[in-house]
Amino acid sequence: MKQHPLCTDTEHELDVSRLALPAEVRREWASLQTRRHFLGRAGKVMGWAAMASLIGDRALQTHASSPKTTAGAPGPDELKLPHFAPKAKRAIYLFMSGGPPQLDMWDYKPNLAAQYDKDIPDSVRGAQQVTGMTAGQARFPVAPSHWDFKRYGQTGTYVSDLLPYTSKLVDDLTIIKSTNTDAINHEPAIMLMNTGNMNAGKPCLGSWLAYGLGSMNDNLPTFLVLQTKLNPKENNQPVSSRLWSSGFLSSEYAGVGLRSAGDPVLYINNPDGVDSATRRQMLDAVNQINRETYQEVGDPETNSRIAQYEMAYRMQTSVPELADLSKEPQTTWDLYGKEAKEPGTFAYNCLMARRMAERGVRFTQVYKRGWDVHGNVVGMLPQLCGEVDRACYALVTDLKQRGLLDDTLVIWGGEFGRTVYSQGGLSRENYGRDHHPRCFTTWMTGGGVRPGISYGETDDYSYNVVNDPVPVRDFNATILHCLGIDHNKLTYKFQGLDQKLTGTIPANVVKGLLA
């Protein structure tokens, strides 16, 4: 076999003229023959050499003479989005990290009282995998909910006494009792719920929306993330930035986190001695360098960097205005409560989410940790519900009063539910609940979904779905549908596959949830 010129001893200098490369590439190489450019372009030359050995010089000459296109992902106009008229223009996702117990909040099972401390039947539990926390238990005793449920609204929907405020919304809510997932542990489950995949490295829901639909406000990021400050008494299952990562999409589509203390965004203010004119001059110089780099290298991330620098400059004005609550009327505090004045609380984040919706932020994600109630459910759940109940009610009510709910989709839920059987000791006064992926409750309200319904049904133990299951992939497909997107058509070519939020396993829009 004839040895390729690139496969010679490394001590010999490469003679580009001997390679089967287009003349354009030879000229480019000759004009940039420096050590820096040699190292920077070695990969390109080897790629051309490999192609030359496979398809020959003629094909490469044709490729080199074809019109050049700008590197980078297509925008919303090129993607022809939305695919159809959307009911919602924006979304707010209230994510309850840790797994809220559906049995104690939404999925009313009055007959369980008679099953107290009896083992859950094998016919119900089947061969389901259990976590390492309960796998060693000798028994799986039934733990009925400690709280009463009452009927609310014209729909007569049962809601736990833990949720006195949210219960007022039942005629506006689309309650999904049959949500289910493939994952039984937190990290894969939360990744699946947020990104449609159990493995890191894929874009999250907010990034797909930013990529597909673009911005509605050039002065604020398309996708903003708010984390509720930790309560040291709660079991705070960690969350990380990969949940709001853009994955293989451009970094400009990643979520931008706002801090709960100090400046909302690090370094948003100019340092001492640097005024706005100086900052503008510096950015112009950096952007010029980046533009030259892009012309030379063609890396689309260079353009992303330019866009992000410009966004950061505009955010120096828009973010302080967003975070300034001084002009909110007294009616706001009457609705949200005094906790909304304290940065980092869930109530504060819900108020900020409303302000973001007013300003055209496409997607806002609010994380509330602490729901990992393996023990002391009776002690912890009133505190957790107390932190979110009024704030959820206030957010939905506020959006509705301002005429924003009709085109804003609000989503509430965690990564899975909790078991009917007790983890650890069981008493009339207390119990624990382990992870449960087979069924859990989520809700939506606003643009695109049917108000005042409870969708799906679980068995008498809130253990298995018996009617109208909603897998996570269908859940995400339905969210995209409300925003005018066909989940099968919003794709991005990566690793040889047309990647999408709902993955390769077939997913369906849940028509019964739609208005």
Protein backbone atom coordinates (compact mmCIF):
# COMPACT_ATOMS: atom_id res chain seq x y z
CA MET A 1 0.00 0.00 0.00
CA LYS A 2 1.32 3.43 -0.89
CA GLN A 3 2.16 5.44 2.21
CA HIS A 4 0.23 8.69 2.61
CA PRO A 5 2.46 11.78 2.87
CA LEU A 6 1.08 12.53 6.35
CA CYS A 7 2.15 9.11 7.62
CA THR A 8 5.88 9.83 7.39
CA ASP A 9 8.41 10.20 10.15
CA THR A 10 7.65 13.26 12.27
CA GLU A 11 11.17 14.57 11.77
CA HIS A 12 10.43 15.27 8.13
CA GLU A 13 8.75 18.54 7.30
CA LEU A 14 5.28 18.30 5.78
CA ASP A 15 5.19 19.29 2.12
CA VAL A 16 1.68 20.59 1.59
CA SER A 17 2.20 20.82 -2.17
CA ARG A 18 2.43 17.03 -2.34
CA LEU A 19 -0.99 16.50 -0.74
CA ALA A 20 -4.12 16.02 -2.83
CA LEU A 21 -5.65 19.26 -1.60
CA PRO A 22 -7.63 21.98 -3.37
CA ALA A 23 -5.50 24.83 -4.66
CA GLU A 24 -7.39 27.22 -2.35
CA VAL A 25 -6.24 25.32 0.72
CA ARG A 26 -2.62 25.21 -0.53
CA ARG A 27 -2.60 28.99 -1.03
CA GLU A 28 -4.16 29.55 2.38
CA TRP A 29 -1.56 27.37 4.04
CA ALA A 30 1.34 29.03 2.24
CA SER A 31 0.20 32.50 3.34
CA LEU A 32 -0.14 31.46 6.98
CA GLN A 33 2.94 29.29 7.48
CA THR A 34 3.74 30.18 11.09
CA ARG A 35 4.10 27.90 14.08
CA ARG A 36 0.89 29.24 15.62
CA HIS A 37 -1.11 28.71 12.46
CA PHE A 38 0.53 25.35 11.86
CA LEU A 39 -0.64 24.11 15.25
CA GLY A 40 -4.05 25.74 14.89
CA ARG A 41 -4.67 24.27 11.45
CA ALA A 42 -3.07 20.86 11.78
CA GLY A 43 -6.43 19.26 12.41
CA LYS A 44 -7.86 20.88 9.30
CA VAL A 45 -5.02 19.66 7.09
CA MET A 46 -5.31 16.13 8.42
CA GLY A 47 -9.03 16.23 7.74
CA TRP A 48 -8.43 17.33 4.17
CA ALA A 49 -5.76 14.65 3.78
CA ALA A 50 -8.13 11.95 5.03
CA MET A 51 -10.83 13.15 2.64
CA ALA A 52 -8.35 13.27 -0.20
CA SER A 53 -7.41 9.64 0.34
CA LEU A 54 -11.07 8.63 0.41
CA ILE A 55 -12.76 10.65 -2.31
CA GLY A 56 -9.97 12.12 -4.38
CA ASP A 57 -8.87 15.58 -5.36
CA ARG A 58 -11.68 16.25 -7.85
CA ALA A 59 -14.42 16.04 -5.19
CA LEU A 60 -12.43 18.30 -2.90
CA GLN A 61 -11.94 20.84 -5.68
CA THR A 62 -15.70 20.86 -6.21
CA HIS A 63 -16.28 21.38 -2.50
CA ALA A 64 -13.74 24.19 -2.33
CA SER A 65 -15.29 26.02 -5.26
CA SER A 66 -18.85 25.83 -3.87
CA PRO A 67 -20.37 28.95 -2.24
CA LYS A 68 -19.37 29.35 1.40
CA THR A 69 -22.01 29.53 4.12
CA THR A 70 -21.79 31.03 7.54
CA ALA A 71 -21.16 28.43 10.22
CA GLY A 72 -23.63 28.13 13.08
CA ALA A 73 -27.09 26.91 13.90
CA PRO A 74 -30.13 28.13 11.97
CA GLY A 75 -32.33 30.73 13.60
CA PRO A 76 -36.11 30.59 14.20
CA ASP A 77 -36.83 31.97 10.71
CA GLU A 78 -34.79 29.21 9.05
CA LEU A 79 -36.37 26.62 11.34
CA LYS A 80 -39.80 27.96 10.32
CA LEU A 81 -40.97 28.14 13.91
CA PRO A 82 -43.44 28.10 15.43
CA HIS A 83 -44.80 25.19 13.42
CA PHE A 84 -48.38 26.30 14.12
CA ALA A 85 -50.13 29.07 16.01
CA PRO A 86 -49.08 28.73 19.65
CA LYS A 87 -51.43 29.16 22.59
CA ALA A 88 -48.48 30.15 24.82
CA LYS A 89 -45.67 32.58 24.02
CA ARG A 90 -43.63 31.88 27.14
CA ALA A 91 -43.37 29.36 29.97
CA ILE A 92 -42.58 29.37 33.69
CA TYR A 93 -41.47 26.05 35.16
CA LEU A 94 -41.68 25.65 38.96
CA PHE A 95 -39.49 22.63 39.59
CA MET A 96 -39.82 20.86 42.96
CA SER A 97 -36.50 19.02 43.19
CA GLY A 98 -36.56 15.87 45.32
CA GLY A 99 -39.95 14.36 44.50
CA PRO A 100 -43.10 15.79 46.18
CA PRO A 101 -45.29 13.03 47.69
CA GLN A 102 -48.40 12.87 45.53
CA LEU A 103 -50.30 10.87 48.15
CA ASP A 104 -50.09 13.66 50.69
CA MET A 105 -50.82 16.54 48.33
CA TRP A 106 -52.92 15.63 45.29
CA ASP A 107 -53.72 11.94 44.81
CA TYR A 108 -56.54 11.32 47.31
CA LYS A 109 -56.86 7.69 48.42
CA PRO A 110 -59.41 7.56 51.28
CA ASN A 111 -59.50 3.76 51.41
CA LEU A 112 -55.89 3.60 52.52
CA ALA A 113 -56.87 4.45 56.08
CA ALA A 114 -58.16 0.90 56.48
CA GLN A 115 -54.86 -0.46 55.13
CA TYR A 116 -52.67 1.23 57.74
CA ASP A 117 -49.55 -0.84 58.56
CA LYS A 118 -50.60 -3.69 56.27
CA ASP A 119 -48.04 -4.79 53.71
CA ILE A 120 -48.65 -3.52 50.22
CA PRO A 121 -49.87 -6.53 48.20
CA ASP A 122 -47.31 -8.26 45.99
CA SER A 123 -49.83 -8.03 43.16
CA VAL A 124 -49.58 -4.23 43.36
CA ARG A 125 -45.85 -3.89 43.86
CA GLY A 126 -44.96 -6.61 41.39
CA ALA A 127 -41.30 -6.92 40.46
CA GLN A 128 -40.61 -3.20 40.57
CA GLN A 129 -37.08 -2.22 41.44
CA VAL A 130 -36.79 -0.41 44.76
CA THR A 131 -34.00 1.89 45.86
CA GLY A 132 -31.15 0.93 48.14
CA MET A 133 -32.85 2.88 50.92
CA THR A 134 -35.71 0.37 51.24
CA ALA A 135 -34.40 -2.76 49.50
CA GLY A 136 -33.34 -4.21 52.84
CA GLN A 137 -36.67 -3.68 54.59
CA ALA A 138 -38.40 -6.83 55.81
CA ARG A 139 -41.80 -5.22 55.25
CA PHE A 140 -43.43 -2.56 53.07
CA PRO A 141 -46.21 -1.23 55.34
CA VAL A 142 -48.86 1.08 53.95
CA ALA A 143 -48.69 4.67 55.26
CA PRO A 144 -51.95 6.56 54.61
CA SER A 145 -51.70 10.33 54.37
CA HIS A 146 -51.60 12.18 57.68
CA TRP A 147 -53.70 15.00 56.21
CA ASP A 148 -57.32 15.33 55.24
CA PHE A 149 -58.48 16.21 51.74
CA LYS A 150 -61.40 18.44 50.80
CA ARG A 151 -63.19 19.23 47.56
CA TYR A 152 -62.67 22.63 45.97
CA GLY A 153 -63.96 24.70 43.08
CA GLN A 154 -66.75 24.00 40.67
CA THR A 155 -64.90 20.86 39.62
CA GLY A 156 -65.01 19.45 43.16
CA THR A 157 -61.35 18.48 42.97
CA TYR A 158 -59.82 16.88 46.07
CA VAL A 159 -56.80 18.74 47.43
CA SER A 160 -54.86 18.21 50.66
CA ASP A 161 -55.22 20.54 53.63
CA LEU A 162 -51.51 21.22 53.11
CA LEU A 163 -52.40 23.46 50.14
CA PRO A 164 -55.04 25.98 51.29
CA TYR A 165 -53.98 28.57 48.69
CA THR A 166 -53.33 26.38 45.66
CA SER A 167 -56.66 24.65 46.26
CA LYS A 168 -58.35 27.92 45.26
CA LEU A 169 -56.92 27.50 41.76
CA VAL A 170 -58.30 24.06 40.92
CA ASP A 171 -60.70 25.39 38.30
CA ASP A 172 -57.69 26.89 36.48
CA LEU A 173 -55.36 23.91 36.86
CA THR A 174 -54.71 20.91 34.63
CA ILE A 175 -53.76 18.29 37.23
CA ILE A 176 -51.91 15.28 35.85
CA LYS A 177 -51.98 12.34 38.28
CA SER A 178 -50.46 9.79 35.91
CA THR A 179 -47.07 11.33 35.15
CA ASN A 180 -44.43 8.60 35.21
CA THR A 181 -40.72 8.24 34.56
CA ASP A 182 -38.10 5.61 33.74
CA ALA A 183 -35.68 6.64 36.50
CA ILE A 184 -35.79 5.73 40.18
CA ASN A 185 -32.85 7.82 41.46
CA HIS A 186 -32.61 11.60 41.60
CA GLU A 187 -29.85 12.47 39.16
CA PRO A 188 -31.08 10.45 36.15
CA ALA A 189 -34.70 11.36 36.94
CA ILE A 190 -34.09 15.09 37.20
CA MET A 191 -31.95 14.97 34.06
CA LEU A 192 -34.73 13.15 32.18
CA MET A 193 -37.36 15.63 33.35
CA ASN A 194 -35.27 18.67 32.44
CA THR A 195 -33.41 17.51 29.32
CA GLY A 196 -35.32 14.49 28.03
CA ASN A 197 -32.31 12.25 28.65
CA MET A 198 -30.83 10.58 31.72
CA ASN A 199 -27.27 11.39 30.65
CA ALA A 200 -25.68 14.81 30.90
CA GLY A 201 -24.71 16.76 27.81
CA LYS A 202 -28.13 17.26 26.20
CA PRO A 203 -29.93 20.61 25.93
CA CYS A 204 -32.67 21.26 28.47
CA LEU A 205 -36.23 22.31 27.68
CA GLY A 206 -35.45 26.02 28.09
CA SER A 207 -32.48 25.78 25.73
CA TRP A 208 -34.56 24.06 23.05
CA LEU A 209 -37.14 26.85 23.34
CA ALA A 210 -34.46 29.54 23.17
CA TYR A 211 -32.94 27.85 20.12
CA GLY A 212 -36.25 27.26 18.37
CA LEU A 213 -38.26 30.37 19.20
CA GLY A 214 -35.63 33.01 19.94
CA SER A 215 -35.94 36.06 22.15
CA MET A 216 -38.86 38.39 22.80
CA ASN A 217 -36.64 40.96 24.58
CA ASP A 218 -33.21 41.88 23.26
CA ASN A 219 -32.21 43.34 26.63
CA LEU A 220 -32.74 40.21 28.72
CA PRO A 221 -31.66 36.59 28.21
CA THR A 222 -34.17 34.32 26.53
CA PHE A 223 -33.85 31.75 29.34
CA LEU A 224 -33.44 32.71 33.02
CA VAL A 225 -32.96 30.46 36.05
CA LEU A 226 -33.81 31.21 39.69
CA GLN A 227 -32.78 28.98 42.57
CA THR A 228 -34.62 29.18 45.87
CA LYS A 229 -32.25 29.56 48.78
CA LEU A 230 -31.65 26.48 50.88
CA ASN A 231 -33.46 25.68 54.08
CA PRO A 232 -30.96 23.82 56.29
CA LYS A 233 -33.78 21.83 57.92
CA GLU A 234 -34.72 20.23 54.61
CA ASN A 235 -33.09 17.40 52.63
CA ASN A 236 -31.75 19.57 49.83
CA GLN A 237 -31.13 17.30 46.89
CA PRO A 238 -28.49 19.12 44.81
CA VAL A 239 -29.13 20.67 41.42
CA SER A 240 -26.41 21.72 39.00
CA SER A 241 -26.00 23.92 35.94
CA ARG A 242 -26.22 20.92 33.61
CA LEU A 243 -29.98 21.06 34.22
CA TRP A 244 -30.09 24.40 32.41
CA SER A 245 -27.23 23.63 30.01
CA SER A 246 -27.48 24.12 26.25
CA GLY A 247 -25.62 20.82 25.70
CA PHE A 248 -24.51 20.53 22.09
CA LEU A 249 -26.40 23.69 21.12
CA SER A 250 -24.62 27.02 21.15
CA SER A 251 -23.84 28.32 24.62
CA GLU A 252 -25.98 31.40 23.97
CA TYR A 253 -29.05 29.16 24.51
CA ALA A 254 -28.03 28.08 28.03
CA GLY A 255 -29.98 29.35 31.02
CA VAL A 256 -28.64 32.43 32.77
CA GLY A 257 -28.82 32.14 36.55
CA LEU A 258 -29.76 35.12 38.70
CA ARG A 259 -28.29 35.15 42.20
CA SER A 260 -30.37 35.64 45.33
CA ALA A 261 -27.75 37.71 47.16
CA GLY A 262 -25.59 40.61 46.05
CA ASP A 263 -25.67 41.58 42.39
CA PRO A 264 -28.19 39.44 40.47
CA VAL A 265 -25.42 38.64 37.98
CA LEU A 266 -21.73 38.57 38.87
CA TYR A 267 -19.73 41.54 37.56
CA ILE A 268 -22.81 43.20 36.12
CA ASN A 269 -21.61 46.55 37.49
CA ASN A 270 -18.56 48.32 36.12
CA PRO A 271 -15.52 48.19 38.42
CA ASP A 272 -14.36 51.36 40.14
CA GLY A 273 -12.77 53.79 37.70
CA VAL A 274 -14.48 52.29 34.63
CA ASP A 275 -17.42 54.21 33.21
CA SER A 276 -19.93 53.04 30.59
CA ALA A 277 -18.07 54.74 27.74
CA THR A 278 -14.84 52.93 28.64
CA ARG A 279 -16.68 49.62 28.96
CA ARG A 280 -18.26 50.21 25.53
CA GLN A 281 -14.88 50.95 23.99
CA MET A 282 -13.38 47.81 25.54
CA LEU A 283 -16.25 45.62 24.27
CA ASP A 284 -15.97 47.07 20.78
CA ALA A 285 -12.27 46.21 20.70
CA VAL A 286 -12.85 42.67 21.99
CA ASN A 287 -15.70 42.14 19.54
CA GLN A 288 -13.52 43.27 16.65
CA ILE A 289 -10.91 40.69 17.65
CA ASN A 290 -13.62 38.03 17.89
CA ARG A 291 -15.00 38.96 14.46
CA GLU A 292 -11.57 38.61 12.94
CA THR A 293 -11.17 35.27 14.70
CA TYR A 294 -14.49 34.10 13.31
CA GLN A 295 -13.51 35.11 9.77
CA GLU A 296 -10.30 33.15 10.18
CA VAL A 297 -11.51 30.07 12.05
CA GLY A 298 -15.27 29.94 11.45
CA ASP A 299 -16.13 28.62 14.91
CA PRO A 300 -19.80 29.53 15.60
CA GLU A 301 -19.04 29.79 19.32
CA THR A 302 -17.06 32.93 18.49
CA ASN A 303 -20.27 34.57 17.28
CA SER A 304 -21.99 33.32 20.42
CA ARG A 305 -19.31 35.02 22.50
CA ILE A 306 -19.88 38.30 20.68
CA ALA A 307 -23.65 38.04 21.27
CA GLN A 308 -23.15 37.23 24.95
CA TYR A 309 -20.81 40.18 25.49
CA GLU A 310 -23.39 42.47 23.94
CA MET A 311 -26.17 40.94 26.03
CA ALA A 312 -24.09 41.41 29.18
CA TYR A 313 -23.64 45.09 28.31
CA ARG A 314 -27.39 45.59 27.85
CA MET A 315 -28.10 43.64 31.05
CA GLN A 316 -26.22 46.29 33.02
CA THR A 317 -29.36 48.37 32.62
CA SER A 318 -32.14 45.78 32.20
CA VAL A 319 -31.30 43.45 35.12
CA PRO A 320 -31.16 46.13 37.86
CA GLU A 321 -34.51 47.40 36.59
CA LEU A 322 -35.90 43.86 36.63
CA ALA A 323 -34.75 43.30 40.22
CA ASP A 324 -35.99 46.67 41.50
CA LEU A 325 -39.22 45.90 43.36
CA SER A 326 -39.61 49.36 44.85
CA LYS A 327 -42.39 50.32 42.46
CA GLU A 328 -44.51 47.25 43.15
CA PRO A 329 -47.84 48.33 44.70
CA GLN A 330 -49.06 47.19 48.10
CA THR A 331 -51.46 44.82 46.38
CA THR A 332 -48.43 42.79 45.26
CA TRP A 333 -47.27 42.23 48.83
CA ASP A 334 -50.82 41.49 49.94
CA LEU A 335 -50.93 38.76 47.30
CA TYR A 336 -47.46 37.21 47.62
CA GLY A 337 -46.85 37.86 51.33
CA LYS A 338 -43.95 39.52 53.07
CA GLU A 339 -41.60 36.63 52.14
CA ALA A 340 -41.59 37.97 48.57
CA LYS A 341 -39.53 40.94 49.76
CA GLU A 342 -36.66 38.65 50.75
CA PRO A 343 -34.40 37.76 47.80
CA GLY A 344 -33.99 34.04 47.26
CA THR A 345 -37.26 32.89 48.80
CA PHE A 346 -39.64 30.94 46.62
CA ALA A 347 -42.18 33.77 46.90
CA TYR A 348 -39.57 36.29 45.71
CA ASN A 349 -38.66 34.03 42.78
CA CYS A 350 -42.31 33.67 41.78
CA LEU A 351 -42.71 37.46 41.81
CA MET A 352 -39.55 37.75 39.71
CA ALA A 353 -40.97 35.14 37.31
CA ARG A 354 -44.04 37.33 36.82
CA ARG A 355 -41.83 40.36 36.17
CA MET A 356 -39.82 38.33 33.65
CA ALA A 357 -43.01 37.25 31.90
CA GLU A 358 -44.04 40.92 31.64
CA ARG A 359 -40.70 41.74 30.03
CA GLY A 360 -40.85 38.98 27.45
CA VAL A 361 -38.48 36.39 28.89
CA ARG A 362 -39.25 33.25 26.90
CA PHE A 363 -38.55 30.64 29.59
CA THR A 364 -38.10 31.00 33.34
CA GLN A 365 -37.14 28.05 35.53
CA VAL A 366 -37.55 28.26 39.31
CA TYR A 367 -35.98 25.49 41.40
CA LYS A 368 -37.18 24.65 44.91
CA ARG A 369 -35.18 21.94 46.65
CA GLY A 370 -35.98 20.00 49.83
CA TRP A 371 -38.69 17.54 48.72
CA ASP A 372 -36.59 14.40 49.30
CA VAL A 373 -38.70 13.27 52.28
CA HIS A 374 -37.34 9.82 53.13
CA GLY A 375 -38.31 10.38 56.76
CA ASN A 376 -40.25 12.73 59.03
CA VAL A 377 -42.87 13.47 56.38
CA VAL A 378 -45.26 14.82 59.02
CA GLY A 379 -42.61 17.18 60.31
CA MET A 380 -41.23 18.38 56.98
CA LEU A 381 -44.14 18.53 54.54
CA PRO A 382 -46.08 21.39 56.21
CA GLN A 383 -42.92 23.49 56.04
CA LEU A 384 -42.25 22.65 52.39
CA CYS A 385 -45.83 23.27 51.32
CA GLY A 386 -45.91 26.46 53.34
CA GLU A 387 -42.96 27.77 51.34
CA VAL A 388 -44.58 27.19 47.93
CA ASP A 389 -48.36 27.12 48.41
CA ARG A 390 -49.13 30.83 48.65
CA ALA A 391 -46.44 31.77 46.15
CA CYS A 392 -47.83 29.41 43.46
CA TYR A 393 -51.31 30.79 44.03
CA ALA A 394 -50.00 34.37 43.89
CA LEU A 395 -48.07 33.81 40.66
CA VAL A 396 -51.00 32.26 38.79
CA THR A 397 -53.44 34.84 40.17
CA ASP A 398 -51.09 37.71 39.34
CA LEU A 399 -50.59 36.52 35.77
CA LYS A 400 -54.33 36.10 35.37
CA GLN A 401 -55.11 39.57 36.72
CA ARG A 402 -52.60 41.12 34.32
CA GLY A 403 -53.92 39.27 31.28
CA LEU A 404 -50.71 37.25 30.95
CA LEU A 405 -51.98 33.78 31.85
CA ASP A 406 -53.68 33.25 28.50
CA ASP A 407 -50.31 33.17 26.72
CA THR A 408 -48.08 31.97 29.56
CA LEU A 409 -47.78 28.26 30.36
CA VAL A 410 -47.05 27.61 34.04
CA ILE A 411 -45.73 24.14 34.94
CA TRP A 412 -45.35 22.60 38.43
CA GLY A 413 -43.74 19.26 39.27
CA GLY A 414 -40.73 17.25 40.41
CA GLU A 415 -38.70 14.37 38.99
CA PHE A 416 -40.81 11.54 40.49
CA GLY A 417 -43.24 10.79 43.33
CA ARG A 418 -43.05 8.95 46.67
CA THR A 419 -44.07 5.47 47.77
CA VAL A 420 -47.28 4.53 49.57
CA TYR A 421 -45.27 2.30 51.87
CA SER A 422 -43.22 3.75 54.66
CA GLN A 423 -39.47 3.95 54.56
CA GLY A 424 -38.19 3.15 58.01
CA GLY A 425 -40.47 3.22 61.03
CA LEU A 426 -44.21 3.79 60.77
CA SER A 427 -46.48 5.32 63.39
CA ARG A 428 -49.80 7.12 63.44
CA GLU A 429 -47.88 10.35 63.90
CA ASN A 430 -45.12 9.98 61.33
CA TYR A 431 -43.63 8.01 58.43
CA GLY A 432 -41.16 8.27 55.54
CA ARG A 433 -41.58 7.79 51.81
CA ASP A 434 -39.07 6.47 49.27
CA HIS A 435 -38.66 7.38 45.59
CA HIS A 436 -41.48 6.27 43.30
CA PRO A 437 -41.23 6.60 39.49
CA ARG A 438 -44.38 4.74 38.46
CA CYS A 439 -46.76 7.61 39.13
CA PHE A 440 -46.59 11.17 40.39
CA THR A 441 -48.61 14.35 40.13
CA THR A 442 -47.76 17.46 38.13
CA TRP A 443 -49.90 20.38 37.08
CA MET A 444 -50.05 23.02 34.39
CA THR A 445 -52.12 26.11 33.82
CA GLY A 446 -52.38 28.89 31.29
CA GLY A 447 -51.83 29.00 27.55
CA GLY A 448 -52.67 25.81 25.73
CA VAL A 449 -53.98 23.46 28.45
CA ARG A 450 -57.48 22.54 29.56
CA PRO A 451 -58.36 24.18 32.87
CA GLY A 452 -60.26 22.46 35.65
CA ILE A 453 -59.46 18.83 34.89
CA SER A 454 -57.72 15.94 36.64
CA TYR A 455 -56.09 13.75 34.03
CA GLY A 456 -55.04 10.14 34.51
CA GLU A 457 -55.79 7.71 37.28
CA THR A 458 -53.75 5.58 39.64
CA ASP A 459 -54.68 2.42 41.52
CA ASP A 460 -55.99 2.36 45.11
CA TYR A 461 -52.42 2.58 46.42
CA SER A 462 -51.22 5.42 44.16
CA TYR A 463 -48.65 2.92 42.98
CA ASN A 464 -49.44 2.13 39.34
CA VAL A 465 -51.13 4.11 36.58
CA VAL A 466 -54.36 2.45 35.54
CA ASN A 467 -55.66 5.02 33.08
CA ASP A 468 -54.15 7.60 30.71
CA PRO A 469 -50.44 7.39 31.51
CA VAL A 470 -48.27 10.45 30.79
CA PRO A 471 -44.59 9.47 30.44
CA VAL A 472 -42.03 12.25 30.78
CA ARG A 473 -41.41 12.31 27.02
CA ASP A 474 -45.13 12.84 26.33
CA PHE A 475 -45.18 15.50 29.04
CA ASN A 476 -42.38 17.41 27.30
CA ALA A 477 -43.92 16.92 23.86
CA THR A 478 -47.13 18.48 25.18
CA ILE A 479 -45.28 21.48 26.61
CA LEU A 480 -43.63 22.09 23.24
CA HIS A 481 -47.01 21.77 21.52
CA CYS A 482 -48.49 24.51 23.70
CA LEU A 483 -45.71 26.79 22.45
CA GLY A 484 -46.40 25.98 18.80
CA ILE A 485 -43.70 23.35 18.30
CA ASP A 486 -43.95 19.88 16.80
CA HIS A 487 -41.48 17.96 18.96
CA ASN A 488 -40.55 15.70 16.04
CA LYS A 489 -39.51 18.67 13.90
CA LEU A 490 -37.43 20.66 16.39
CA THR A 491 -34.15 18.82 15.83
CA TYR A 492 -30.41 19.45 15.72
CA LYS A 493 -27.90 17.24 13.94
CA PHE A 494 -25.33 15.96 16.41
CA GLN A 495 -23.26 12.76 16.49
CA GLY A 496 -24.95 11.59 13.31
CA LEU A 497 -28.45 11.81 14.79
CA ASP A 498 -31.30 14.30 14.49
CA GLN A 499 -31.39 15.04 18.22
CA LYS A 500 -34.57 16.29 19.90
CA LEU A 501 -35.90 16.96 23.38
CA THR A 502 -38.10 13.87 23.37
CA GLY A 503 -35.30 11.55 22.26
CA THR A 504 -35.48 8.51 20.02
CA ILE A 505 -38.23 6.66 21.89
CA PRO A 506 -41.60 7.58 20.35
CA ALA A 507 -43.43 10.33 22.21
CA ASN A 508 -46.92 11.74 21.76
CA VAL A 509 -48.68 14.98 22.56
CA VAL A 510 -51.32 14.26 25.21
CA LYS A 511 -54.42 15.59 23.45
CA GLY A 512 -56.55 15.24 26.57
CA LEU A 513 -54.53 17.97 28.28
CA LEU A 514 -55.01 20.55 25.54
CA ALA A 515 -57.54 23.35 25.53
